[in-house]
C-alpha atoms as a PDB file:
ATOM      1  CA  PRO A   1       0.009   0.000   0.014  1.00  0.00           C
ATOM      2  CA  ASP A   2       1.166   3.458  -0.873  1.00  0.00           C
ATOM      3  CA  ASN A   3       0.894   5.640   2.216  1.00  0.00           C
ATOM      4  CA  GLN A   4       3.590   8.156   1.457  1.00  0.00           C
ATOM      5  CA  LEU A   5       3.239  11.820   1.979  1.00  0.00           C
ATOM      6  CA  ARG A   6       1.999  13.482  -1.286  1.00  0.00           C
ATOM      7  CA  ARG A   7       1.155  17.082  -0.550  1.00  0.00           C
ATOM      8  CA  ILE A   8       1.686  19.587   2.245  1.00  0.00           C
ATOM      9  CA  GLU A   9      -0.032  22.990   2.334  1.00  0.00           C
ATOM     10  CA  SER A  10       0.810  25.674   4.897  1.00  0.00           C
ATOM     11  CA  ARG A  11      -0.110  29.240   5.231  1.00  0.00           C
ATOM     12  CA  GLY A  12       1.171  32.218   7.143  1.00  0.00           C
ATOM     13  CA  LYS A  13      -0.822  34.258   9.569  1.00  0.00           C
ATOM     14  CA  ASP A  14      -3.306  36.784   8.337  1.00  0.00           C
ATOM     15  CA  ILE A  15      -1.896  40.215   7.694  1.00  0.00           C
ATOM     16  CA  ARG A  16      -4.633  42.848   8.160  1.00  0.00           C
ATOM     17  CA  HIS A  17      -4.782  46.308   6.642  1.00  0.00           C
ATOM     18  CA  ASP A  18      -1.919  45.700   4.200  1.00  0.00           C
ATOM     19  CA  GLU A  19      -3.942  46.856   1.168  1.00  0.00           C
ATOM     20  CA  ASP A  20      -0.859  47.434  -1.012  1.00  0.00           C
ATOM     21  CA  GLY A  21       0.611  44.080   0.101  1.00  0.00           C
ATOM     22  CA  ALA A  22       3.930  45.600   1.284  1.00  0.00           C
ATOM     23  CA  GLN A  23       4.334  43.304   4.314  1.00  0.00           C
ATOM     24  CA  LEU A  24       3.150  40.256   2.356  1.00  0.00           C
ATOM     25  CA  LYS A  25       5.412  41.016  -0.609  1.00  0.00           C
ATOM     26  CA  ALA A  26       8.451  41.441   1.712  1.00  0.00           C
ATOM     27  CA  ARG A  27       7.858  38.023   3.308  1.00  0.00           C
ATOM     28  CA  TYR A  28       7.092  36.513  -0.098  1.00  0.00           C
ATOM     29  CA  LYS A  29      10.414  37.850  -1.452  1.00  0.00           C
ATOM     30  CA  ALA A  30      12.397  36.394   1.485  1.00  0.00           C
ATOM     31  CA  LEU A  31      10.706  32.988   1.115  1.00  0.00           C
ATOM     32  CA  SER A  32      11.243  33.065  -2.647  1.00  0.00           C
ATOM     33  CA  ARG A  33      14.991  33.629  -2.179  1.00  0.00           C
ATOM     34  CA  ALA A  34      15.197  30.734   0.292  1.00  0.00           C
ATOM     35  CA  LEU A  35      13.260  28.391  -2.088  1.00  0.00           C
ATOM     36  CA  SER A  36      15.401  29.471  -5.052  1.00  0.00           C
ATOM     37  CA  GLY A  37      18.487  28.504  -3.085  1.00  0.00           C
ATOM     38  CA  LYS A  38      17.097  24.999  -2.569  1.00  0.00           C
ATOM     39  CA  TYR A  39      15.086  24.363  -5.793  1.00  0.00           C
ATOM     40  CA  GLY A  40      16.567  26.802  -8.344  1.00  0.00           C
ATOM     41  CA  LYS A  41      15.001  29.767 -10.063  1.00  0.00           C
ATOM     42  CA  GLY A  42      11.217  29.607  -9.989  1.00  0.00           C
ATOM     43  CA  GLU A  43       8.633  30.596 -12.612  1.00  0.00           C
ATOM     44  CA  THR A  44       6.930  33.782 -11.524  1.00  0.00           C
ATOM     45  CA  HIS A  45       3.309  34.750 -12.232  1.00  0.00           C
ATOM     46  CA  HIS A  46       2.541  38.247 -10.972  1.00  0.00           C
ATOM     47  CA  ASP A  47      -0.598  39.041 -12.995  1.00  0.00           C
ATOM     48  CA  ILE A  48      -2.364  42.095 -11.605  1.00  0.00           C
ATOM     49  CA  SER A  49      -5.786  42.930 -13.104  1.00  0.00           C
ATOM     50  CA  ILE A  50      -6.114  46.243 -14.830  1.00  0.00           C
ATOM     51  CA  THR A  51      -9.251  46.818 -12.728  1.00  0.00           C
ATOM     52  CA  TRP A  52      -7.186  46.689  -9.529  1.00  0.00           C
ATOM     53  CA  ARG A  53      -3.899  48.466 -10.617  1.00  0.00           C
ATOM     54  CA  LYS A  54      -3.751  51.060  -7.829  1.00  0.00           C
ATOM     55  CA  PRO A  55      -1.272  50.003  -5.147  1.00  0.00           C
ATOM     56  CA  THR A  56      -3.956  50.232  -2.466  1.00  0.00           C
ATOM     57  CA  GLU A  57      -6.083  47.700  -4.404  1.00  0.00           C
ATOM     58  CA  PHE A  58      -3.526  44.863  -4.442  1.00  0.00           C
ATOM     59  CA  LEU A  59      -5.378  42.645  -1.987  1.00  0.00           C
ATOM     60  CA  MET A  60      -8.776  43.437  -3.570  1.00  0.00           C
ATOM     61  CA  GLY A  61      -7.639  42.103  -6.918  1.00  0.00           C
ATOM     62  CA  LEU A  62      -6.516  38.848  -5.262  1.00  0.00           C
ATOM     63  CA  TYR A  63      -9.670  38.614  -3.190  1.00  0.00           C
ATOM     64  CA  ARG A  64     -11.862  39.040  -6.256  1.00  0.00           C
ATOM     65  CA  GLY A  65      -9.857  36.451  -8.197  1.00  0.00           C
ATOM     66  CA  ASP A  66      -8.903  38.930 -10.881  1.00  0.00           C
ATOM     67  CA  SER A  67      -5.185  38.945  -9.986  1.00  0.00           C
ATOM     68  CA  VAL A  68      -2.674  36.223  -9.117  1.00  0.00           C
ATOM     69  CA  TYR A  69       0.695  36.430  -7.369  1.00  0.00           C
ATOM     70  CA  TYR A  70       2.703  33.190  -7.186  1.00  0.00           C
ATOM     71  CA  THR A  71       5.939  31.461  -8.047  1.00  0.00           C
ATOM     72  CA  THR A  72       6.429  27.745  -8.804  1.00  0.00           C
ATOM     73  CA  PHE A  73       9.672  25.879  -8.163  1.00  0.00           C
ATOM     74  CA  LYS A  74      10.500  22.506  -9.710  1.00  0.00           C
ATOM     75  CA  GLY A  75      12.646  20.198  -7.689  1.00  0.00           C
ATOM     76  CA  GLU A  76      13.811  16.702  -8.572  1.00  0.00           C
ATOM     77  CA  GLU A  77      11.217  15.092  -6.335  1.00  0.00           C
ATOM     78  CA  VAL A  78       8.952  17.937  -5.258  1.00  0.00           C
ATOM     79  CA  ASP A  79       7.207  20.916  -6.834  1.00  0.00           C
ATOM     80  CA  VAL A  80       6.737  23.988  -4.654  1.00  0.00           C
ATOM     81  CA  ARG A  81       4.295  26.850  -5.052  1.00  0.00           C
ATOM     82  CA  LEU A  82       4.571  30.074  -3.094  1.00  0.00           C
ATOM     83  CA  GLU A  83       1.633  32.483  -3.378  1.00  0.00           C
ATOM     84  CA  ILE A  84      -0.037  35.457  -1.821  1.00  0.00           C
ATOM     85  CA  ARG A  85      -3.752  35.042  -1.218  1.00  0.00           C
ATOM     86  CA  ALA A  86      -6.476  37.255   0.156  1.00  0.00           C
ATOM     87  CA  THR A  87      -9.274  36.048   2.396  1.00  0.00           C
ATOM     88  CA  ARG A  88     -10.970  39.459   2.545  1.00  0.00           C
ATOM     89  CA  ARG A  89     -10.583  42.774   0.870  1.00  0.00           C
ATOM     90  CA  PHE A  90      -8.020  43.915   3.456  1.00  0.00           C
ATOM     91  CA  VAL A  91      -6.716  40.586   4.788  1.00  0.00           C
ATOM     92  CA  GLY A  92      -4.057  38.483   3.103  1.00  0.00           C
ATOM     93  CA  HIS A  93      -1.580  35.713   3.778  1.00  0.00           C
ATOM     94  CA  TYR A  94       1.099  33.776   1.948  1.00  0.00           C
ATOM     95  CA  ARG A  95       0.715  30.057   1.239  1.00  0.00           C
ATOM     96  CA  LEU A  96       3.266  27.300   0.454  1.00  0.00           C
ATOM     97  CA  ILE A  97       2.384  24.049  -1.218  1.00  0.00           C
ATOM     98  CA  PHE A  98       4.843  21.215  -1.455  1.00  0.00           C
ATOM     99  CA  GLU A  99       3.666  18.602  -4.054  1.00  0.00           C
ATOM    100  CA  TYR A 100       5.580  15.349  -3.849  1.00  0.00           C
ATOM    101  CA  SER A 101       6.322  13.929  -7.337  1.00  0.00           C
ATOM    102  CA  GLY A 102       7.766  10.570  -6.284  1.00  0.00           C
ATOM    103  CA  ILE A 103      11.085   9.015  -5.362  1.00  0.00           C
ATOM    104  CA  GLN A 104      12.908   7.441  -8.292  1.00  0.00           C
ATOM    105  CA  ASP A 105      14.829   4.748  -6.459  1.00  0.00           C
ATOM    106  CA  SER A 106      13.763   2.310  -3.755  1.00  0.00           C
ATOM    107  CA  GLY A 107      16.267   3.470  -1.143  1.00  0.00           C
ATOM    108  CA  ASP A 108      15.373   4.837   2.292  1.00  0.00           C
ATOM    109  CA  LYS A 109      12.149   6.718   1.428  1.00  0.00           C
ATOM    110  CA  SER A 110      11.630   8.233   4.877  1.00  0.00           C
ATOM    111  CA  SER A 111      15.080   9.808   4.714  1.00  0.00           C
ATOM    112  CA  LYS A 112      14.401  11.226   1.273  1.00  0.00           C
ATOM    113  CA  GLU A 113      11.094  12.662   2.420  1.00  0.00           C
ATOM    114  CA  ARG A 114      12.845  14.510   5.265  1.00  0.00           C
ATOM    115  CA  ASP A 115      15.392  15.917   2.815  1.00  0.00           C
ATOM    116  CA  ILE A 116      12.647  17.308   0.570  1.00  0.00           C
ATOM    117  CA  LEU A 117      11.117  19.232   3.419  1.00  0.00           C
END
């Protein structure tokens, strides 16, 4: 039976009244640098809707689903997605998703899973 870990999702705490996303973007940038060091350069998607272009509308665009702000990293055995999300018009958080893509050899799988994380 295959009972290996396949996906881990985590999210940061809610950041309130950060309409322009300055605090969230600073944390996102720091996490992105750390992930780049481990998994290589990521593929960035910072698509901001024309409707929500004002800096103070950053979270509103994410909340309405008109904008996206994420980076994906491809590792040998795991894909990682770092994103900024909004749960309300003035409340946002970052989210990390680790998607396990499988271990190629039949060595010590538990050790390899720890190395990925």
